Amino acid sequence: MAELDPHIHQPTRLRILMLLSGVDLADFTFLVNTLGLTKGNLSSHMSRLEEAGYVEVTKSFDGKIPNTAYSLTRNGRSSLEKYWRAIDDIRHGAE
């Protein structure tokens, strides 16, 4: 049976990766509001995803206001695809 990536299988991180898979870039505020997470919770999950090499962090300024944005890396996209294949294998094995 296929192994499920624990970095992705955690429900909140799966939601984050699914959201990032549909956009080029998403800023911190957008993610907090869309996912309904606290800033600390989102920050913690993003740190884990960055450490795994699944997301890239871009820090910039909008005037004097700092902005943090995230994008899915090539490795993150590939790992998410492998995750869904593993889920499909599990589903089909259960039939």
PDB file of N, CA and C in Angstrom:
ATOM      1  N   MET A   1       0.846  -1.176   0.000  1.00  0.00           N
ATOM      2  CA  MET A   1       0.000   0.000   0.000  1.00  0.00           C
ATOM      3  C   MET A   1       0.893   1.242   0.000  1.00  0.00           C
ATOM      4  N   ALA A   2       0.433   2.275  -0.631  1.00  0.00           N
ATOM      5  CA  ALA A   2       1.199   3.513  -0.757  1.00  0.00           C
ATOM      6  C   ALA A   2       1.332   4.227   0.590  1.00  0.00           C
ATOM      7  N   GLU A   3       2.490   4.822   0.797  1.00  0.00           N
ATOM      8  CA  GLU A   3       2.737   5.622   1.999  1.00  0.00           C
ATOM      9  C   GLU A   3       2.189   7.034   1.795  1.00  0.00           C
ATOM     10  N   LEU A   4       1.533   7.580   2.802  1.00  0.00           N
ATOM     11  CA  LEU A   4       1.033   8.951   2.732  1.00  0.00           C
ATOM     12  C   LEU A   4       2.039   9.881   3.391  1.00  0.00           C
ATOM     13  N   ASP A   5       2.402  10.936   2.694  1.00  0.00           N
ATOM     14  CA  ASP A   5       3.360  11.918   3.186  1.00  0.00           C
ATOM     15  C   ASP A   5       2.762  12.622   4.406  1.00  0.00           C
ATOM     16  N   PRO A   6       3.380  12.488   5.593  1.00  0.00           N
ATOM     17  CA  PRO A   6       2.815  13.105   6.790  1.00  0.00           C
ATOM     18  C   PRO A   6       2.823  14.640   6.755  1.00  0.00           C
ATOM     19  N   HIS A   7       3.707  15.224   5.958  1.00  0.00           N
ATOM     20  CA  HIS A   7       3.702  16.683   5.822  1.00  0.00           C
ATOM     21  C   HIS A   7       2.429  17.159   5.118  1.00  0.00           C
ATOM     22  N   ILE A   8       1.940  16.334   4.214  1.00  0.00           N
ATOM     23  CA  ILE A   8       0.751  16.705   3.435  1.00  0.00           C
ATOM     24  C   ILE A   8      -0.523  16.179   4.084  1.00  0.00           C
ATOM     25  N   HIS A   9      -0.464  15.005   4.687  1.00  0.00           N
ATOM     26  CA  HIS A   9      -1.671  14.352   5.190  1.00  0.00           C
ATOM     27  C   HIS A   9      -2.325  15.093   6.352  1.00  0.00           C
ATOM     28  N   GLN A  10      -1.587  15.931   7.053  1.00  0.00           N
ATOM     29  CA  GLN A  10      -2.170  16.733   8.132  1.00  0.00           C
ATOM     30  C   GLN A  10      -3.235  17.638   7.505  1.00  0.00           C
ATOM     31  N   PRO A  11      -4.466  17.642   7.995  1.00  0.00           N
ATOM     32  CA  PRO A  11      -5.573  18.332   7.324  1.00  0.00           C
ATOM     33  C   PRO A  11      -5.344  19.807   7.002  1.00  0.00           C
ATOM     34  N   THR A  12      -4.795  20.567   7.922  1.00  0.00           N
ATOM     35  CA  THR A  12      -4.590  21.989   7.654  1.00  0.00           C
ATOM     36  C   THR A  12      -3.552  22.187   6.565  1.00  0.00           C
ATOM     37  N   ARG A  13      -2.471  21.408   6.617  1.00  0.00           N
ATOM     38  CA  ARG A  13      -1.442  21.556   5.586  1.00  0.00           C
ATOM     39  C   ARG A  13      -1.958  21.106   4.228  1.00  0.00           C
ATOM     40  N   LEU A  14      -2.807  20.102   4.196  1.00  0.00           N
ATOM     41  CA  LEU A  14      -3.416  19.677   2.935  1.00  0.00           C
ATOM     42  C   LEU A  14      -4.263  20.811   2.356  1.00  0.00           C
ATOM     43  N   ARG A  15      -5.042  21.480   3.197  1.00  0.00           N
ATOM     44  CA  ARG A  15      -5.854  22.616   2.735  1.00  0.00           C
ATOM     45  C   ARG A  15      -4.968  23.735   2.190  1.00  0.00           C
ATOM     46  N   ILE A  16      -3.863  24.016   2.884  1.00  0.00           N
ATOM     47  CA  ILE A  16      -2.936  25.062   2.437  1.00  0.00           C
ATOM     48  C   ILE A  16      -2.371  24.701   1.064  1.00  0.00           C
ATOM     49  N   LEU A  17      -1.893  23.482   0.922  1.00  0.00           N
ATOM     50  CA  LEU A  17      -1.293  23.066  -0.347  1.00  0.00           C
ATOM     51  C   LEU A  17      -2.312  23.058  -1.478  1.00  0.00           C
ATOM     52  N   MET A  18      -3.531  22.632  -1.187  1.00  0.00           N
ATOM     53  CA  MET A  18      -4.572  22.645  -2.218  1.00  0.00           C
ATOM     54  C   MET A  18      -4.860  24.073  -2.670  1.00  0.00           C
ATOM     55  N   LEU A  19      -4.914  24.993  -1.734  1.00  0.00           N
ATOM     56  CA  LEU A  19      -5.147  26.394  -2.085  1.00  0.00           C
ATOM     57  C   LEU A  19      -3.986  26.937  -2.916  1.00  0.00           C
ATOM     58  N   LEU A  20      -2.765  26.666  -2.492  1.00  0.00           N
ATOM     59  CA  LEU A  20      -1.598  27.159  -3.223  1.00  0.00           C
ATOM     60  C   LEU A  20      -1.463  26.518  -4.603  1.00  0.00           C
ATOM     61  N   SER A  21      -1.982  25.308  -4.765  1.00  0.00           N
ATOM     62  CA  SER A  21      -1.878  24.639  -6.063  1.00  0.00           C
ATOM     63  C   SER A  21      -2.724  25.333  -7.136  1.00  0.00           C
ATOM     64  N   GLY A  22      -3.671  26.150  -6.711  1.00  0.00           N
ATOM     65  CA  GLY A  22      -4.545  26.820  -7.664  1.00  0.00           C
ATOM     66  C   GLY A  22      -4.173  28.261  -7.964  1.00  0.00           C
ATOM     67  N   VAL A  23      -3.102  28.761  -7.353  1.00  0.00           N
ATOM     68  CA  VAL A  23      -2.684  30.151  -7.567  1.00  0.00           C
ATOM     69  C   VAL A  23      -1.169  30.201  -7.765  1.00  0.00           C
ATOM     70  N   ASP A  24      -0.699  31.292  -8.330  1.00  0.00           N
ATOM     71  CA  ASP A  24       0.744  31.473  -8.477  1.00  0.00           C
ATOM     72  C   ASP A  24       1.383  31.889  -7.157  1.00  0.00           C
ATOM     73  N   LEU A  25       0.675  32.735  -6.417  1.00  0.00           N
ATOM     74  CA  LEU A  25       1.212  33.328  -5.193  1.00  0.00           C
ATOM     75  C   LEU A  25       0.044  33.716  -4.295  1.00  0.00           C
ATOM     76  N   ALA A  26       0.185  33.502  -2.995  1.00  0.00           N
ATOM     77  CA  ALA A  26      -0.864  33.905  -2.053  1.00  0.00           C
ATOM     78  C   ALA A  26      -0.199  34.562  -0.856  1.00  0.00           C
ATOM     79  N   ASP A  27      -0.703  35.746  -0.475  1.00  0.00           N
ATOM     80  CA  ASP A  27      -0.075  36.415   0.665  1.00  0.00           C
ATOM     81  C   ASP A  27      -0.674  35.916   1.984  1.00  0.00           C
ATOM     82  N   PHE A  28       0.060  36.207   3.040  1.00  0.00           N
ATOM     83  CA  PHE A  28      -0.258  35.715   4.381  1.00  0.00           C
ATOM     84  C   PHE A  28      -1.681  36.086   4.792  1.00  0.00           C
ATOM     85  N   THR A  29      -2.062  37.329   4.583  1.00  0.00           N
ATOM     86  CA  THR A  29      -3.395  37.795   4.985  1.00  0.00           C
ATOM     87  C   THR A  29      -4.487  37.045   4.234  1.00  0.00           C
ATOM     88  N   PHE A  30      -4.298  36.844   2.943  1.00  0.00           N
ATOM     89  CA  PHE A  30      -5.262  36.091   2.140  1.00  0.00           C
ATOM     90  C   PHE A  30      -5.421  34.674   2.699  1.00  0.00           C
ATOM     91  N   LEU A  31      -4.302  34.026   3.017  1.00  0.00           N
ATOM     92  CA  LEU A  31      -4.363  32.663   3.534  1.00  0.00           C
ATOM     93  C   LEU A  31      -5.042  32.602   4.897  1.00  0.00           C
ATOM     94  N   VAL A  32      -4.712  33.531   5.789  1.00  0.00           N
ATOM     95  CA  VAL A  32      -5.352  33.570   7.110  1.00  0.00           C
ATOM     96  C   VAL A  32      -6.863  33.704   6.950  1.00  0.00           C
ATOM     97  N   ASN A  33      -7.289  34.640   6.126  1.00  0.00           N
ATOM     98  CA  ASN A  33      -8.721  34.895   5.947  1.00  0.00           C
ATOM     99  C   ASN A  33      -9.431  33.752   5.233  1.00  0.00           C
ATOM    100  N   THR A  34      -8.830  33.218   4.200  1.00  0.00           N
ATOM    101  CA  THR A  34      -9.464  32.162   3.414  1.00  0.00           C
ATOM    102  C   THR A  34      -9.553  30.853   4.181  1.00  0.00           C
ATOM    103  N   LEU A  35      -8.496  30.527   4.919  1.00  0.00           N
ATOM    104  CA  LEU A  35      -8.460  29.261   5.639  1.00  0.00           C
ATOM    105  C   LEU A  35      -9.073  29.339   7.039  1.00  0.00           C
ATOM    106  N   GLY A  36      -9.301  30.568   7.537  1.00  0.00           N
ATOM    107  CA  GLY A  36      -9.879  30.739   8.864  1.00  0.00           C
ATOM    108  C   GLY A  36      -8.941  30.314   9.988  1.00  0.00           C
ATOM    109  N   LEU A  37      -7.651  30.516   9.783  1.00  0.00           N
ATOM    110  CA  LEU A  37      -6.648  30.148  10.785  1.00  0.00           C
ATOM    111  C   LEU A  37      -6.182  31.381  11.545  1.00  0.00           C
ATOM    112  N   THR A  38      -5.593  31.143  12.707  1.00  0.00           N
ATOM    113  CA  THR A  38      -4.938  32.248  13.396  1.00  0.00           C
ATOM    114  C   THR A  38      -3.596  32.496  12.710  1.00  0.00           C
ATOM    115  N   LYS A  39      -3.037  33.658  12.936  1.00  0.00           N
ATOM    116  CA  LYS A  39      -1.744  33.980  12.341  1.00  0.00           C
ATOM    117  C   LYS A  39      -0.669  33.014  12.826  1.00  0.00           C
ATOM    118  N   GLY A  40      -0.681  32.704  14.113  1.00  0.00           N
ATOM    119  CA  GLY A  40       0.306  31.789  14.671  1.00  0.00           C
ATOM    120  C   GLY A  40       0.181  30.381  14.120  1.00  0.00           C
ATOM    121  N   ASN A  41      -1.065  29.933  13.960  1.00  0.00           N
ATOM    122  CA  ASN A  41      -1.303  28.596  13.429  1.00  0.00           C
ATOM    123  C   ASN A  41      -0.820  28.504  11.987  1.00  0.00           C
ATOM    124  N   LEU A  42      -1.174  29.489  11.168  1.00  0.00           N
ATOM    125  CA  LEU A  42      -0.735  29.490   9.774  1.00  0.00           C
ATOM    126  C   LEU A  42       0.788  29.551   9.705  1.00  0.00           C
ATOM    127  N   SER A  43       1.388  30.400  10.498  1.00  0.00           N
ATOM    128  CA  SER A  43       2.836  30.544  10.494  1.00  0.00           C
ATOM    129  C   SER A  43       3.525  29.226  10.834  1.00  0.00           C
ATOM    130  N   SER A  44       3.008  28.522  11.816  1.00  0.00           N
ATOM    131  CA  SER A  44       3.571  27.234  12.219  1.00  0.00           C
ATOM    132  C   SER A  44       3.500  26.215  11.087  1.00  0.00           C
ATOM    133  N   HIS A  45       2.343  26.112  10.445  1.00  0.00           N
ATOM    134  CA  HIS A  45       2.182  25.164   9.340  1.00  0.00           C
ATOM    135  C   HIS A  45       3.062  25.553   8.144  1.00  0.00           C
ATOM    136  N   MET A  46       3.149  26.840   7.864  1.00  0.00           N
ATOM    137  CA  MET A  46       3.970  27.273   6.735  1.00  0.00           C
ATOM    138  C   MET A  46       5.443  26.984   6.990  1.00  0.00           C
ATOM    139  N   SER A  47       5.883  27.104   8.222  1.00  0.00           N
ATOM    140  CA  SER A  47       7.271  26.774   8.561  1.00  0.00           C
ATOM    141  C   SER A  47       7.554  25.305   8.266  1.00  0.00           C
ATOM    142  N   ARG A  48       6.629  24.443   8.634  1.00  0.00           N
ATOM    143  CA  ARG A  48       6.816  23.012   8.379  1.00  0.00           C
ATOM    144  C   ARG A  48       6.836  22.716   6.873  1.00  0.00           C
ATOM    145  N   LEU A  49       5.961  23.371   6.130  1.00  0.00           N
ATOM    146  CA  LEU A  49       5.921  23.156   4.682  1.00  0.00           C
ATOM    147  C   LEU A  49       7.165  23.723   4.001  1.00  0.00           C
ATOM    148  N   GLU A  50       7.667  24.836   4.502  1.00  0.00           N
ATOM    149  CA  GLU A  50       8.892  25.410   3.950  1.00  0.00           C
ATOM    150  C   GLU A  50      10.077  24.486   4.247  1.00  0.00           C
ATOM    151  N   GLU A  51      10.168  23.973   5.471  1.00  0.00           N
ATOM    152  CA  GLU A  51      11.240  23.048   5.838  1.00  0.00           C
ATOM    153  C   GLU A  51      11.224  21.791   4.968  1.00  0.00           C
ATOM    154  N   ALA A  52      10.032  21.337   4.597  1.00  0.00           N
ATOM    155  CA  ALA A  52       9.892  20.158   3.745  1.00  0.00           C
ATOM    156  C   ALA A  52      10.217  20.475   2.286  1.00  0.00           C
ATOM    157  N   GLY A  53      10.359  21.760   1.960  1.00  0.00           N
ATOM    158  CA  GLY A  53      10.652  22.159   0.587  1.00  0.00           C
ATOM    159  C   GLY A  53       9.424  22.240  -0.296  1.00  0.00           C
ATOM    160  N   TYR A  54       8.243  22.332   0.321  1.00  0.00           N
ATOM    161  CA  TYR A  54       6.997  22.342  -0.440  1.00  0.00           C
ATOM    162  C   TYR A  54       6.500  23.738  -0.782  1.00  0.00           C
ATOM    163  N   VAL A  55       6.883  24.726  -0.003  1.00  0.00           N
ATOM    164  CA  VAL A  55       6.487  26.101  -0.296  1.00  0.00           C
ATOM    165  C   VAL A  55       7.707  27.011  -0.275  1.00  0.00           C
ATOM    166  N   GLU A  56       7.603  28.063  -1.046  1.00  0.00           N
ATOM    167  CA  GLU A  56       8.638  29.095  -1.084  1.00  0.00           C
ATOM    168  C   GLU A  56       8.045  30.365  -0.483  1.00  0.00           C
ATOM    169  N   VAL A  57       8.837  31.037   0.331  1.00  0.00           N
ATOM    170  CA  VAL A  57       8.404  32.257   0.994  1.00  0.00           C
ATOM    171  C   VAL A  57       9.043  33.444   0.292  1.00  0.00           C
ATOM    172  N   THR A  58       8.226  34.457  -0.008  1.00  0.00           N
ATOM    173  CA  THR A  58       8.714  35.686  -0.611  1.00  0.00           C
ATOM    174  C   THR A  58       8.340  36.841   0.308  1.00  0.00           C
ATOM    175  N   LYS A  59       9.346  37.546   0.786  1.00  0.00           N
ATOM    176  CA  LYS A  59       9.108  38.704   1.662  1.00  0.00           C
ATOM    177  C   LYS A  59       9.398  39.973   0.870  1.00  0.00           C
ATOM    178  N   SER A  60       8.494  40.941   0.996  1.00  0.00           N
ATOM    179  CA  SER A  60       8.649  42.206   0.279  1.00  0.00           C
ATOM    180  C   SER A  60       7.979  43.311   1.092  1.00  0.00           C
ATOM    181  N   PHE A  61       7.999  44.504   0.543  1.00  0.00           N
ATOM    182  CA  PHE A  61       7.336  45.639   1.171  1.00  0.00           C
ATOM    183  C   PHE A  61       6.384  46.275   0.178  1.00  0.00           C
ATOM    184  N   ASP A  62       5.226  46.666   0.665  1.00  0.00           N
ATOM    185  CA  ASP A  62       4.270  47.463  -0.096  1.00  0.00           C
ATOM    186  C   ASP A  62       4.330  48.837   0.539  1.00  0.00           C
ATOM    187  N   GLY A  63       5.214  49.666  -0.004  1.00  0.00           N
ATOM    188  CA  GLY A  63       5.530  50.916   0.666  1.00  0.00           C
ATOM    189  C   GLY A  63       6.341  50.576   1.901  1.00  0.00           C
ATOM    190  N   LYS A  64       5.821  50.924   3.074  1.00  0.00           N
ATOM    191  CA  LYS A  64       6.502  50.604   4.325  1.00  0.00           C
ATOM    192  C   LYS A  64       5.896  49.390   5.025  1.00  0.00           C
ATOM    193  N   ILE A  65       4.899  48.793   4.397  1.00  0.00           N
ATOM    194  CA  ILE A  65       4.201  47.663   5.003  1.00  0.00           C
ATOM    195  C   ILE A  65       4.812  46.350   4.520  1.00  0.00           C
ATOM    196  N   PRO A  66       5.293  45.520   5.469  1.00  0.00           N
ATOM    197  CA  PRO A  66       5.863  44.228   5.058  1.00  0.00           C
ATOM    198  C   PRO A  66       4.790  43.285   4.532  1.00  0.00           C
ATOM    199  N   ASN A  67       5.170  42.483   3.551  1.00  0.00           N
ATOM    200  CA  ASN A  67       4.246  41.522   2.952  1.00  0.00           C
ATOM    201  C   ASN A  67       4.966  40.179   2.813  1.00  0.00           C
ATOM    202  N   THR A  68       4.326  39.123   3.265  1.00  0.00           N
ATOM    203  CA  THR A  68       4.850  37.777   3.117  1.00  0.00           C
ATOM    204  C   THR A  68       3.903  37.001   2.217  1.00  0.00           C
ATOM    205  N   ALA A  69       4.469  36.392   1.188  1.00  0.00           N
ATOM    206  CA  ALA A  69       3.664  35.616   0.254  1.00  0.00           C
ATOM    207  C   ALA A  69       4.274  34.229   0.089  1.00  0.00           C
ATOM    208  N   TYR A  70       3.446  33.298  -0.334  1.00  0.00           N
ATOM    209  CA  TYR A  70       3.856  31.908  -0.464  1.00  0.00           C
ATOM    210  C   TYR A  70       3.470  31.375  -1.828  1.00  0.00           C
ATOM    211  N   SER A  71       4.299  30.464  -2.321  1.00  0.00           N
ATOM    212  CA  SER A  71       3.983  29.762  -3.554  1.00  0.00           C
ATOM    213  C   SER A  71       4.398  28.308  -3.404  1.00  0.00           C
ATOM    214  N   LEU A  72       3.760  27.466  -4.159  1.00  0.00           N
ATOM    215  CA  LEU A  72       4.066  26.049  -4.157  1.00  0.00           C
ATOM    216  C   LEU A  72       5.325  25.824  -4.989  1.00  0.00           C
ATOM    217  N   THR A  73       6.281  25.089  -4.453  1.00  0.00           N
ATOM    218  CA  THR A  73       7.497  24.784  -5.204  1.00  0.00           C
ATOM    219  C   THR A  73       7.219  23.630  -6.173  1.00  0.00           C
ATOM    220  N   ARG A  74       8.150  23.403  -7.071  1.00  0.00           N
ATOM    221  CA  ARG A  74       8.028  22.273  -7.994  1.00  0.00           C
ATOM    222  C   ARG A  74       7.967  20.973  -7.184  1.00  0.00           C
ATOM    223  N   ASN A  75       8.805  20.876  -6.155  1.00  0.00           N
ATOM    224  CA  ASN A  75       8.799  19.707  -5.283  1.00  0.00           C
ATOM    225  C   ASN A  75       7.458  19.574  -4.558  1.00  0.00           C
ATOM    226  N   GLY A  76       6.901  20.690  -4.114  1.00  0.00           N
ATOM    227  CA  GLY A  76       5.611  20.670  -3.443  1.00  0.00           C
ATOM    228  C   GLY A  76       4.501  20.199  -4.359  1.00  0.00           C
ATOM    229  N   ARG A  77       4.515  20.683  -5.590  1.00  0.00           N
ATOM    230  CA  ARG A  77       3.497  20.282  -6.570  1.00  0.00           C
ATOM    231  C   ARG A  77       3.621  18.781  -6.871  1.00  0.00           C
ATOM    232  N   SER A  78       4.846  18.324  -7.068  1.00  0.00           N
ATOM    233  CA  SER A  78       5.091  16.914  -7.352  1.00  0.00           C
ATOM    234  C   SER A  78       4.668  16.031  -6.166  1.00  0.00           C
ATOM    235  N   SER A  79       5.005  16.457  -4.965  1.00  0.00           N
ATOM    236  CA  SER A  79       4.643  15.687  -3.772  1.00  0.00           C
ATOM    237  C   SER A  79       3.135  15.641  -3.574  1.00  0.00           C
ATOM    238  N   LEU A  80       2.458  16.731  -3.884  1.00  0.00           N
ATOM    239  CA  LEU A  80       0.996  16.751  -3.778  1.00  0.00           C
ATOM    240  C   LEU A  80       0.376  15.792  -4.796  1.00  0.00           C
ATOM    241  N   GLU A  81       0.924  15.761  -5.995  1.00  0.00           N
ATOM    242  CA  GLU A  81       0.425  14.815  -7.009  1.00  0.00           C
ATOM    243  C   GLU A  81       0.642  13.371  -6.557  1.00  0.00           C
ATOM    244  N   LYS A  82       1.815  13.070  -5.983  1.00  0.00           N
ATOM    245  CA  LYS A  82       2.093  11.728  -5.469  1.00  0.00           C
ATOM    246  C   LYS A  82       1.132  11.384  -4.331  1.00  0.00           C
ATOM    247  N   TYR A  83       0.832  12.375  -3.503  1.00  0.00           N
ATOM    248  CA  TYR A  83      -0.104  12.162  -2.399  1.00  0.00           C
ATOM    249  C   TYR A  83      -1.467  11.739  -2.946  1.00  0.00           C
ATOM    250  N   TRP A  84      -1.967  12.447  -3.960  1.00  0.00           N
ATOM    251  CA  TRP A  84      -3.284  12.116  -4.515  1.00  0.00           C
ATOM    252  C   TRP A  84      -3.271  10.750  -5.191  1.00  0.00           C
ATOM    253  N   ARG A  85      -2.162  10.384  -5.837  1.00  0.00           N
ATOM    254  CA  ARG A  85      -2.061   9.041  -6.425  1.00  0.00           C
ATOM    255  C   ARG A  85      -2.115   7.981  -5.316  1.00  0.00           C
ATOM    256  N   ALA A  86      -1.438   8.245  -4.197  1.00  0.00           N
ATOM    257  CA  ALA A  86      -1.454   7.307  -3.080  1.00  0.00           C
ATOM    258  C   ALA A  86      -2.874   7.166  -2.511  1.00  0.00           C
ATOM    259  N   ILE A  87      -3.573   8.288  -2.398  1.00  0.00           N
ATOM    260  CA  ILE A  87      -4.974   8.236  -1.931  1.00  0.00           C
ATOM    261  C   ILE A  87      -5.820   7.427  -2.889  1.00  0.00           C
ATOM    262  N   ASP A  88      -5.637   7.631  -4.199  1.00  0.00           N
ATOM    263  CA  ASP A  88      -6.384   6.853  -5.194  1.00  0.00           C
ATOM    264  C   ASP A  88      -6.071   5.364  -5.073  1.00  0.00           C
ATOM    265  N   ASP A  89      -4.802   5.027  -4.844  1.00  0.00           N
ATOM    266  CA  ASP A  89      -4.425   3.620  -4.684  1.00  0.00           C
ATOM    267  C   ASP A  89      -5.143   3.014  -3.483  1.00  0.00           C
ATOM    268  N   ILE A  90      -5.202   3.760  -2.402  1.00  0.00           N
ATOM    269  CA  ILE A  90      -5.894   3.279  -1.203  1.00  0.00           C
ATOM    270  C   ILE A  90      -7.381   3.104  -1.487  1.00  0.00           C
ATOM    271  N   ARG A  91      -7.968   4.083  -2.152  1.00  0.00           N
ATOM    272  CA  ARG A  91      -9.402   4.007  -2.480  1.00  0.00           C
ATOM    273  C   ARG A  91      -9.700   2.809  -3.362  1.00  0.00           C
ATOM    274  N   HIS A  92      -8.877   2.620  -4.381  1.00  0.00           N
ATOM    275  CA  HIS A  92      -9.128   1.508  -5.318  1.00  0.00           C
ATOM    276  C   HIS A  92      -8.848   0.151  -4.680  1.00  0.00           C
ATOM    277  N   GLY A  93      -7.916   0.118  -3.749  1.00  0.00           N
ATOM    278  CA  GLY A  93      -7.624  -1.130  -3.041  1.00  0.00           C
ATOM    279  C   GLY A  93      -8.743  -1.528  -2.101  1.00  0.00           C
ATOM    280  N   ALA A  94      -9.527  -0.552  -1.674  1.00  0.00           N
ATOM    281  CA  ALA A  94     -10.617  -0.814  -0.731  1.00  0.00           C
ATOM    282  C   ALA A  94     -11.886  -1.264  -1.443  1.00  0.00           C
ATOM    283  N   GLU A  95     -11.908  -1.141  -2.748  1.00  0.00           N
ATOM    284  CA  GLU A  95     -13.135  -1.496  -3.502  1.00  0.00           C
ATOM    285  C   GLU A  95     -13.273  -2.976  -3.731  1.00  0.00           C
TER     286      GLU A  95
END
